[in-house]
Amino acid sequence: MWNEPITIESRQIGKYITIDSMERAAHHVLQEWPREQSGETFETAKRVLLDAYEGNASIESARSALIAAAQRKREYFSSKRHN
């Protein structure tokens, strides 16, 4: 679990996803991230998330990388849990 979950937009307009763990973040990036919205920030987030999952990077660096990628594609909503 992350200390503070982050909430980002889903592919459905008006729907949000709360990500509160490395597992959920990795799943989102690898399975749900729109392929047409890739780029350097996304690739960095993917690499750091996988490194953190394997214990080779900090969880906080993975969380920060995911936030940066989500902000880059303008889907980041907040670092607070939303229902």
Protein backbone atom coordinates (compact mmCIF):
# COMPACT_ATOMS: atom_id res chain seq x y z
CA MET A 1 0.00 0.00 0.00
CA TRP A 2 1.07 3.55 -0.68
CA ASN A 3 0.94 6.14 2.09
CA GLU A 4 -1.37 8.30 -0.03
CA PRO A 5 -3.41 6.85 -2.88
CA ILE A 6 -3.70 8.77 -6.13
CA THR A 7 -6.81 9.18 -8.23
CA ILE A 8 -6.66 9.42 -12.00
CA GLU A 9 -9.23 9.53 -14.77
CA SER A 10 -10.25 6.26 -16.36
CA ARG A 11 -10.94 5.79 -20.06
CA GLN A 12 -14.62 6.46 -19.32
CA ILE A 13 -15.46 10.15 -19.06
CA GLY A 14 -16.34 11.12 -15.51
CA LYS A 15 -14.99 7.89 -13.99
CA TYR A 16 -11.92 7.76 -11.77
CA ILE A 17 -9.55 5.05 -10.60
CA THR A 18 -7.92 5.10 -7.18
CA ILE A 19 -4.46 3.58 -7.18
CA ASP A 20 -3.19 2.68 -3.75
CA SER A 21 -0.55 0.02 -4.34
CA MET A 22 2.36 -0.97 -6.56
CA GLU A 23 0.35 -3.88 -7.93
CA ARG A 24 -2.55 -1.64 -8.94
CA ALA A 25 -0.18 0.92 -10.46
CA ALA A 26 1.66 -1.71 -12.48
CA HIS A 27 -1.63 -3.17 -13.72
CA HIS A 28 -2.90 0.26 -14.73
CA VAL A 29 0.26 1.18 -16.62
CA LEU A 30 0.68 -2.18 -18.34
CA GLN A 31 -2.97 -3.01 -19.08
CA GLU A 32 -5.14 0.12 -18.97
CA TRP A 33 -2.92 2.98 -20.16
CA PRO A 34 -4.00 4.07 -23.66
CA ARG A 35 -1.27 2.93 -26.07
CA GLU A 36 -1.65 6.04 -28.20
CA GLN A 37 -0.62 8.16 -25.21
CA SER A 38 2.87 6.87 -24.66
CA GLY A 39 6.11 8.82 -24.62
CA GLU A 40 9.21 9.40 -22.55
CA THR A 41 7.35 10.19 -19.32
CA PHE A 42 5.21 7.07 -19.69
CA GLU A 43 8.23 4.89 -20.46
CA THR A 44 10.03 6.28 -17.41
CA ALA A 45 6.99 5.59 -15.22
CA LYS A 46 6.72 2.05 -16.56
CA ARG A 47 10.42 1.37 -15.96
CA VAL A 48 10.41 2.84 -12.42
CA LEU A 49 7.21 0.97 -11.51
CA LEU A 50 8.69 -2.33 -12.68
CA ASP A 51 11.97 -1.58 -10.89
CA ALA A 52 10.09 -0.81 -7.66
CA TYR A 53 7.98 -3.94 -8.04
CA GLU A 54 11.21 -5.95 -8.24
CA GLY A 55 12.69 -4.10 -5.26
CA ASN A 56 15.20 -2.07 -7.30
CA ALA A 57 13.57 1.36 -6.80
CA SER A 58 11.61 2.97 -4.01
CA ILE A 59 7.84 2.84 -3.86
CA GLU A 60 7.77 6.62 -3.53
CA SER A 61 9.79 7.07 -6.73
CA ALA A 62 7.35 4.79 -8.55
CA ARG A 63 4.38 6.74 -7.20
CA SER A 64 6.01 10.03 -8.26
CA ALA A 65 6.74 8.67 -11.74
CA LEU A 66 3.12 7.57 -12.16
CA ILE A 67 1.87 11.00 -11.07
CA ALA A 68 4.25 12.69 -13.55
CA ALA A 69 3.04 10.49 -16.40
CA ALA A 70 -0.62 11.05 -15.51
CA GLN A 71 -0.07 14.81 -15.28
CA ARG A 72 1.67 14.75 -18.65
CA LYS A 73 -1.39 13.24 -20.29
CA ARG A 74 -3.67 15.41 -18.14
CA GLU A 75 -5.43 12.58 -16.35
CA TYR A 76 -4.14 13.13 -12.83
CA PHE A 77 -6.90 14.10 -10.43
CA SER A 78 -5.52 14.13 -6.90
CA SER A 79 -3.53 12.38 -4.24
CA LYS A 80 -6.59 11.82 -2.06
CA ARG A 81 -8.96 8.86 -2.21
CA HIS A 82 -12.23 9.48 -4.10
CA ASN A 83 -15.25 7.20 -4.49
